[in-house]
Amino acid sequence: MSVQLNSQTCQQRLAEFNASLEELRPYASRAKKGNVSESQSRDLIENFERTHELALNVITKYLERLGKGPFSGSRDLTAEAFHAELIDDGKSWLDIVIDRIQYNPIYEIDTQEQFLENIQKRYVRLFERFSENVGKLLD
């Protein structure tokens, strides 16, 4: 019975992730067309970060279901997700973690332009594949 409850929780978290991914897509599409304001760039990054956090929540709950964890951070969690075949491109998922760390305003380097480009060209596609992979595993 508890496995079913955990599975249900995974499915609920996946549904939240999928809803956030649907909200993220139009922001990424607008950015691809260019000429995006600073406010729109911030909105894209905020939506992206929320979607990534929800993906990490799905991964955490799924791995807990398998009796794995706790994990010391998103890097360890991402590596374990790759080994569990929840994600199919571990390096790119680690790039997400690195981009988010570097984008943090406490660092003086300006990484926003590269971060925005990665979101548009790489990361949304990774999220879509993640949704498909996890959806199949939970069925």
N, C-alpha and C. Protein backbone atom coordinates (compact mmCIF):
# COMPACT_ATOMS: atom_id res chain seq x y z
N MET A 1 0.82 -1.19 0.00
CA MET A 1 0.00 0.00 0.00
C MET A 1 0.87 1.26 0.00
N SER A 2 1.97 1.28 0.78
CA SER A 2 2.79 2.49 0.81
C SER A 2 3.48 2.75 -0.53
N VAL A 3 3.82 1.68 -1.27
CA VAL A 3 4.41 1.87 -2.59
C VAL A 3 3.42 2.56 -3.50
N GLN A 4 2.14 2.19 -3.41
CA GLN A 4 1.13 2.84 -4.22
C GLN A 4 1.01 4.31 -3.84
N LEU A 5 1.05 4.63 -2.56
CA LEU A 5 0.98 6.02 -2.14
C LEU A 5 2.19 6.79 -2.65
N ASN A 6 3.39 6.17 -2.56
CA ASN A 6 4.57 6.83 -3.10
C ASN A 6 4.45 7.03 -4.60
N SER A 7 3.93 6.01 -5.28
CA SER A 7 3.75 6.11 -6.73
C SER A 7 2.78 7.24 -7.04
N GLN A 8 1.73 7.34 -6.29
CA GLN A 8 0.76 8.40 -6.48
C GLN A 8 1.43 9.76 -6.28
N THR A 9 2.26 9.87 -5.27
CA THR A 9 2.97 11.11 -5.01
C THR A 9 3.90 11.44 -6.18
N CYS A 10 4.57 10.44 -6.72
CA CYS A 10 5.43 10.66 -7.89
C CYS A 10 4.59 11.18 -9.05
N GLN A 11 3.45 10.58 -9.25
CA GLN A 11 2.58 11.01 -10.36
C GLN A 11 2.07 12.43 -10.14
N GLN A 12 1.74 12.77 -8.91
CA GLN A 12 1.29 14.13 -8.63
C GLN A 12 2.42 15.13 -8.87
N ARG A 13 3.62 14.77 -8.44
CA ARG A 13 4.76 15.65 -8.67
C ARG A 13 5.08 15.78 -10.15
N LEU A 14 4.93 14.68 -10.87
CA LEU A 14 5.15 14.74 -12.32
C LEU A 14 4.10 15.64 -12.97
N ALA A 15 2.87 15.57 -12.51
CA ALA A 15 1.82 16.43 -13.05
C ALA A 15 2.14 17.91 -12.80
N GLU A 16 2.65 18.22 -11.61
CA GLU A 16 3.07 19.60 -11.32
C GLU A 16 4.21 20.03 -12.22
N PHE A 17 5.18 19.14 -12.40
CA PHE A 17 6.30 19.42 -13.30
C PHE A 17 5.79 19.67 -14.72
N ASN A 18 4.92 18.81 -15.21
CA ASN A 18 4.40 18.95 -16.57
C ASN A 18 3.64 20.27 -16.74
N ALA A 19 2.89 20.66 -15.73
CA ALA A 19 2.17 21.94 -15.80
C ALA A 19 3.17 23.10 -15.88
N SER A 20 4.22 23.03 -15.10
CA SER A 20 5.24 24.08 -15.12
C SER A 20 5.96 24.10 -16.47
N LEU A 21 6.23 22.92 -17.02
CA LEU A 21 6.87 22.84 -18.33
C LEU A 21 5.99 23.48 -19.40
N GLU A 22 4.70 23.26 -19.32
CA GLU A 22 3.77 23.90 -20.27
C GLU A 22 3.81 25.41 -20.15
N GLU A 23 3.96 25.92 -18.93
CA GLU A 23 4.08 27.37 -18.73
C GLU A 23 5.41 27.90 -19.25
N LEU A 24 6.45 27.09 -19.18
CA LEU A 24 7.78 27.50 -19.61
C LEU A 24 7.89 27.60 -21.13
N ARG A 25 7.24 26.74 -21.84
CA ARG A 25 7.39 26.68 -23.31
C ARG A 25 7.15 28.02 -24.01
N PRO A 26 6.07 28.74 -23.72
CA PRO A 26 5.86 30.01 -24.43
C PRO A 26 6.95 31.04 -24.14
N TYR A 27 7.48 31.05 -22.93
CA TYR A 27 8.58 31.97 -22.61
C TYR A 27 9.80 31.65 -23.46
N ALA A 28 10.11 30.35 -23.57
CA ALA A 28 11.26 29.94 -24.37
C ALA A 28 11.04 30.24 -25.84
N SER A 29 9.82 30.04 -26.33
CA SER A 29 9.51 30.32 -27.73
C SER A 29 9.68 31.80 -28.05
N ARG A 30 9.17 32.65 -27.16
CA ARG A 30 9.32 34.10 -27.35
C ARG A 30 10.79 34.50 -27.38
N ALA A 31 11.56 33.90 -26.50
CA ALA A 31 12.99 34.24 -26.42
C ALA A 31 13.71 33.80 -27.68
N LYS A 32 13.30 32.68 -28.27
CA LYS A 32 13.93 32.20 -29.50
C LYS A 32 13.75 33.20 -30.64
N LYS A 33 12.63 33.90 -30.61
CA LYS A 33 12.35 34.87 -31.67
C LYS A 33 13.18 36.13 -31.52
N GLY A 34 13.82 36.28 -30.38
CA GLY A 34 14.71 37.42 -30.16
C GLY A 34 14.00 38.64 -29.63
N ASN A 35 14.81 39.68 -29.41
CA ASN A 35 14.28 40.96 -28.94
C ASN A 35 13.47 40.82 -27.66
N VAL A 36 14.06 40.19 -26.67
CA VAL A 36 13.38 39.94 -25.40
C VAL A 36 13.83 40.99 -24.40
N SER A 37 12.87 41.55 -23.69
CA SER A 37 13.18 42.56 -22.69
C SER A 37 13.84 41.92 -21.47
N GLU A 38 14.42 42.76 -20.63
CA GLU A 38 15.03 42.28 -19.39
C GLU A 38 14.00 41.58 -18.52
N SER A 39 12.81 42.13 -18.46
CA SER A 39 11.72 41.54 -17.68
C SER A 39 11.33 40.17 -18.22
N GLN A 40 11.25 40.04 -19.53
CA GLN A 40 10.91 38.75 -20.13
C GLN A 40 12.03 37.73 -19.90
N SER A 41 13.26 38.19 -19.94
CA SER A 41 14.39 37.29 -19.66
C SER A 41 14.32 36.78 -18.23
N ARG A 42 14.03 37.68 -17.30
CA ARG A 42 13.90 37.28 -15.89
C ARG A 42 12.75 36.28 -15.72
N ASP A 43 11.63 36.55 -16.42
CA ASP A 43 10.48 35.63 -16.33
C ASP A 43 10.84 34.25 -16.86
N LEU A 44 11.59 34.21 -17.96
CA LEU A 44 12.01 32.94 -18.53
C LEU A 44 12.88 32.17 -17.53
N ILE A 45 13.84 32.86 -16.96
CA ILE A 45 14.75 32.20 -16.01
C ILE A 45 13.99 31.75 -14.76
N GLU A 46 13.09 32.57 -14.25
CA GLU A 46 12.31 32.18 -13.07
C GLU A 46 11.45 30.95 -13.36
N ASN A 47 10.80 30.95 -14.52
CA ASN A 47 9.98 29.79 -14.89
C ASN A 47 10.84 28.55 -15.08
N PHE A 48 11.99 28.74 -15.69
CA PHE A 48 12.91 27.63 -15.88
C PHE A 48 13.36 27.06 -14.53
N GLU A 49 13.77 27.93 -13.63
CA GLU A 49 14.25 27.47 -12.33
C GLU A 49 13.15 26.74 -11.56
N ARG A 50 11.92 27.24 -11.63
CA ARG A 50 10.80 26.57 -10.96
C ARG A 50 10.60 25.17 -11.57
N THR A 51 10.67 25.07 -12.89
CA THR A 51 10.48 23.79 -13.56
C THR A 51 11.59 22.82 -13.19
N HIS A 52 12.82 23.32 -13.12
CA HIS A 52 13.95 22.46 -12.71
C HIS A 52 13.76 21.97 -11.28
N GLU A 53 13.34 22.84 -10.39
CA GLU A 53 13.11 22.42 -9.00
C GLU A 53 12.02 21.34 -8.93
N LEU A 54 10.98 21.49 -9.74
CA LEU A 54 9.93 20.48 -9.75
C LEU A 54 10.44 19.16 -10.31
N ALA A 55 11.33 19.22 -11.30
CA ALA A 55 11.95 18.00 -11.82
C ALA A 55 12.76 17.32 -10.72
N LEU A 56 13.51 18.10 -9.98
CA LEU A 56 14.29 17.53 -8.87
C LEU A 56 13.38 16.92 -7.81
N ASN A 57 12.22 17.51 -7.58
CA ASN A 57 11.25 16.93 -6.64
C ASN A 57 10.74 15.58 -7.13
N VAL A 58 10.47 15.48 -8.43
CA VAL A 58 10.02 14.21 -9.00
C VAL A 58 11.13 13.16 -8.82
N ILE A 59 12.33 13.55 -9.16
CA ILE A 59 13.47 12.62 -9.05
C ILE A 59 13.63 12.15 -7.61
N THR A 60 13.59 13.08 -6.67
CA THR A 60 13.75 12.74 -5.26
C THR A 60 12.69 11.73 -4.83
N LYS A 61 11.45 12.00 -5.16
CA LYS A 61 10.36 11.12 -4.74
C LYS A 61 10.48 9.75 -5.40
N TYR A 62 10.85 9.73 -6.66
CA TYR A 62 11.00 8.45 -7.37
C TYR A 62 12.13 7.63 -6.75
N LEU A 63 13.25 8.27 -6.47
CA LEU A 63 14.38 7.55 -5.89
C LEU A 63 14.08 7.11 -4.46
N GLU A 64 13.33 7.90 -3.72
CA GLU A 64 12.90 7.47 -2.38
C GLU A 64 12.08 6.20 -2.48
N ARG A 65 11.25 6.15 -3.49
CA ARG A 65 10.41 4.98 -3.74
C ARG A 65 11.27 3.73 -3.95
N LEU A 66 12.45 3.94 -4.53
CA LEU A 66 13.38 2.83 -4.75
C LEU A 66 14.27 2.57 -3.53
N GLY A 67 14.07 3.34 -2.47
CA GLY A 67 14.86 3.16 -1.26
C GLY A 67 16.21 3.85 -1.31
N LYS A 68 16.36 4.82 -2.20
CA LYS A 68 17.64 5.52 -2.33
C LYS A 68 17.54 6.91 -1.72
N GLY A 69 18.69 7.41 -1.30
CA GLY A 69 18.74 8.75 -0.74
C GLY A 69 19.03 8.66 0.74
N PRO A 70 19.11 9.74 1.43
CA PRO A 70 19.01 11.12 0.94
C PRO A 70 20.27 11.52 0.17
N PHE A 71 20.14 12.61 -0.57
CA PHE A 71 21.22 13.10 -1.40
C PHE A 71 21.70 14.44 -0.88
N SER A 72 22.99 14.71 -1.09
CA SER A 72 23.59 15.92 -0.51
C SER A 72 23.33 17.17 -1.34
N GLY A 73 22.82 17.02 -2.54
CA GLY A 73 22.54 18.20 -3.35
C GLY A 73 22.08 17.80 -4.74
N SER A 74 21.84 18.80 -5.57
CA SER A 74 21.29 18.55 -6.89
C SER A 74 22.27 17.80 -7.80
N ARG A 75 23.55 17.97 -7.58
CA ARG A 75 24.52 17.23 -8.41
C ARG A 75 24.43 15.73 -8.14
N ASP A 76 24.43 15.35 -6.86
CA ASP A 76 24.32 13.93 -6.51
C ASP A 76 22.99 13.36 -6.98
N LEU A 77 21.94 14.12 -6.79
CA LEU A 77 20.61 13.70 -7.21
C LEU A 77 20.56 13.50 -8.72
N THR A 78 21.17 14.41 -9.46
CA THR A 78 21.20 14.32 -10.92
C THR A 78 21.98 13.09 -11.37
N ALA A 79 23.12 12.83 -10.74
CA ALA A 79 23.91 11.65 -11.09
C ALA A 79 23.11 10.37 -10.83
N GLU A 80 22.43 10.31 -9.72
CA GLU A 80 21.63 9.12 -9.40
C GLU A 80 20.45 8.98 -10.36
N ALA A 81 19.87 10.09 -10.77
CA ALA A 81 18.77 10.06 -11.74
C ALA A 81 19.24 9.49 -13.07
N PHE A 82 20.46 9.82 -13.45
CA PHE A 82 21.03 9.28 -14.68
C PHE A 82 21.20 7.77 -14.56
N HIS A 83 21.73 7.31 -13.43
CA HIS A 83 21.93 5.87 -13.21
C HIS A 83 20.60 5.12 -13.17
N ALA A 84 19.55 5.80 -12.70
CA ALA A 84 18.23 5.18 -12.63
C ALA A 84 17.47 5.33 -13.95
N GLU A 85 18.11 5.94 -14.95
CA GLU A 85 17.55 6.14 -16.29
C GLU A 85 16.32 7.04 -16.31
N LEU A 86 16.25 7.94 -15.33
CA LEU A 86 15.19 8.96 -15.36
C LEU A 86 15.55 10.06 -16.35
N ILE A 87 16.85 10.30 -16.48
CA ILE A 87 17.35 11.28 -17.44
C ILE A 87 18.32 10.55 -18.37
N ASP A 88 18.40 11.03 -19.61
CA ASP A 88 19.23 10.32 -20.58
C ASP A 88 20.49 11.08 -20.98
N ASP A 89 20.68 12.27 -20.42
CA ASP A 89 21.86 13.07 -20.74
C ASP A 89 22.37 13.70 -19.45
N GLY A 90 23.08 12.89 -18.69
CA GLY A 90 23.55 13.34 -17.38
C GLY A 90 24.41 14.58 -17.43
N LYS A 91 25.28 14.68 -18.45
CA LYS A 91 26.16 15.84 -18.55
C LYS A 91 25.35 17.13 -18.73
N SER A 92 24.36 17.10 -19.60
CA SER A 92 23.56 18.31 -19.82
C SER A 92 22.75 18.69 -18.58
N TRP A 93 22.28 17.69 -17.85
CA TRP A 93 21.57 17.99 -16.60
C TRP A 93 22.52 18.59 -15.57
N LEU A 94 23.76 18.12 -15.55
CA LEU A 94 24.74 18.75 -14.65
C LEU A 94 25.06 20.17 -15.12
N ASP A 95 25.02 20.39 -16.44
CA ASP A 95 25.19 21.74 -16.96
C ASP A 95 24.11 22.68 -16.44
N ILE A 96 22.89 22.16 -16.29
CA ILE A 96 21.80 22.97 -15.72
C ILE A 96 22.19 23.43 -14.31
N VAL A 97 22.67 22.48 -13.52
CA VAL A 97 23.05 22.80 -12.13
C VAL A 97 24.14 23.87 -12.14
N ILE A 98 25.14 23.69 -12.99
CA ILE A 98 26.25 24.65 -13.06
C ILE A 98 25.76 26.01 -13.54
N ASP A 99 24.91 26.04 -14.57
CA ASP A 99 24.38 27.31 -15.06
C ASP A 99 23.59 28.03 -13.97
N ARG A 100 22.81 27.30 -13.22
CA ARG A 100 22.03 27.93 -12.16
C ARG A 100 22.94 28.49 -11.07
N ILE A 101 23.99 27.78 -10.75
CA ILE A 101 24.94 28.28 -9.74
C ILE A 101 25.63 29.53 -10.26
N GLN A 102 26.10 29.50 -11.49
CA GLN A 102 26.82 30.64 -12.05
C GLN A 102 25.92 31.85 -12.26
N TYR A 103 24.65 31.61 -12.52
CA TYR A 103 23.72 32.72 -12.74
C TYR A 103 23.42 33.47 -11.45
N ASN A 104 23.64 32.84 -10.33
CA ASN A 104 23.35 33.45 -9.04
C ASN A 104 23.93 34.86 -8.99
N PRO A 105 23.13 35.83 -8.60
CA PRO A 105 23.58 37.23 -8.61
C PRO A 105 24.78 37.54 -7.71
N ILE A 106 25.15 36.63 -6.81
CA ILE A 106 26.29 36.93 -5.95
C ILE A 106 27.62 36.82 -6.70
N TYR A 107 27.59 36.14 -7.87
CA TYR A 107 28.80 36.06 -8.67
C TYR A 107 28.87 37.26 -9.60
N GLU A 108 30.08 37.75 -9.82
CA GLU A 108 30.25 38.95 -10.63
C GLU A 108 30.24 38.67 -12.13
N ILE A 109 30.42 37.42 -12.52
CA ILE A 109 30.43 37.14 -13.96
C ILE A 109 29.01 37.20 -14.51
N ASP A 110 28.89 37.70 -15.72
CA ASP A 110 27.58 37.82 -16.36
C ASP A 110 27.35 36.62 -17.25
N THR A 111 26.51 35.71 -16.81
CA THR A 111 26.25 34.49 -17.55
C THR A 111 24.83 34.44 -18.09
N GLN A 112 24.07 35.52 -17.93
CA GLN A 112 22.65 35.48 -18.29
C GLN A 112 22.43 35.14 -19.76
N GLU A 113 23.18 35.75 -20.66
CA GLU A 113 22.96 35.51 -22.08
C GLU A 113 23.16 34.03 -22.45
N GLN A 114 24.24 33.45 -21.94
CA GLN A 114 24.50 32.03 -22.22
C GLN A 114 23.46 31.14 -21.56
N PHE A 115 23.05 31.50 -20.36
CA PHE A 115 22.03 30.74 -19.64
C PHE A 115 20.72 30.76 -20.42
N LEU A 116 20.32 31.92 -20.90
CA LEU A 116 19.08 32.03 -21.68
C LEU A 116 19.16 31.19 -22.95
N GLU A 117 20.31 31.24 -23.61
CA GLU A 117 20.49 30.45 -24.82
C GLU A 117 20.40 28.96 -24.53
N ASN A 118 21.03 28.52 -23.44
CA ASN A 118 20.96 27.11 -23.07
C ASN A 118 19.54 26.67 -22.75
N ILE A 119 18.80 27.52 -22.07
CA ILE A 119 17.40 27.19 -21.76
C ILE A 119 16.64 26.96 -23.05
N GLN A 120 16.77 27.88 -23.98
CA GLN A 120 16.02 27.80 -25.24
C GLN A 120 16.45 26.62 -26.11
N LYS A 121 17.75 26.42 -26.24
CA LYS A 121 18.26 25.46 -27.21
C LYS A 121 18.47 24.06 -26.66
N ARG A 122 18.62 23.93 -25.34
CA ARG A 122 18.96 22.62 -24.79
C ARG A 122 18.02 22.16 -23.68
N TYR A 123 17.79 23.02 -22.72
CA TYR A 123 17.20 22.55 -21.47
C TYR A 123 15.70 22.23 -21.57
N VAL A 124 14.94 22.99 -22.33
CA VAL A 124 13.52 22.67 -22.46
C VAL A 124 13.36 21.28 -23.07
N ARG A 125 14.18 20.97 -24.06
CA ARG A 125 14.15 19.65 -24.69
C ARG A 125 14.50 18.56 -23.68
N LEU A 126 15.47 18.82 -22.80
CA LEU A 126 15.82 17.85 -21.75
C LEU A 126 14.62 17.59 -20.84
N PHE A 127 13.92 18.66 -20.48
CA PHE A 127 12.74 18.52 -19.63
C PHE A 127 11.66 17.70 -20.33
N GLU A 128 11.49 17.90 -21.61
CA GLU A 128 10.47 17.15 -22.35
C GLU A 128 10.81 15.66 -22.35
N ARG A 129 12.06 15.33 -22.58
CA ARG A 129 12.48 13.91 -22.56
C ARG A 129 12.34 13.32 -21.15
N PHE A 130 12.66 14.13 -20.14
CA PHE A 130 12.50 13.68 -18.75
C PHE A 130 11.04 13.33 -18.49
N SER A 131 10.14 14.19 -18.91
CA SER A 131 8.71 13.95 -18.71
C SER A 131 8.28 12.64 -19.36
N GLU A 132 8.76 12.39 -20.57
CA GLU A 132 8.43 11.14 -21.27
C GLU A 132 8.99 9.93 -20.53
N ASN A 133 10.26 10.02 -20.14
CA ASN A 133 10.92 8.89 -19.44
C ASN A 133 10.20 8.54 -18.15
N VAL A 134 9.95 9.54 -17.33
CA VAL A 134 9.32 9.28 -16.04
C VAL A 134 7.87 8.83 -16.22
N GLY A 135 7.19 9.43 -17.17
CA GLY A 135 5.82 9.03 -17.46
C GLY A 135 5.73 7.54 -17.79
N LYS A 136 6.67 7.05 -18.59
CA LYS A 136 6.70 5.63 -18.95
C LYS A 136 7.00 4.77 -17.72
N LEU A 137 7.91 5.22 -16.87
CA LEU A 137 8.27 4.45 -15.69
C LEU A 137 7.12 4.36 -14.68
N LEU A 138 6.30 5.38 -14.63
CA LEU A 138 5.21 5.42 -13.66
C LEU A 138 3.95 4.73 -14.15
N ASP A 139 3.87 4.46 -15.45
CA ASP A 139 2.68 3.78 -16.01
C ASP A 139 2.63 2.33 -15.60
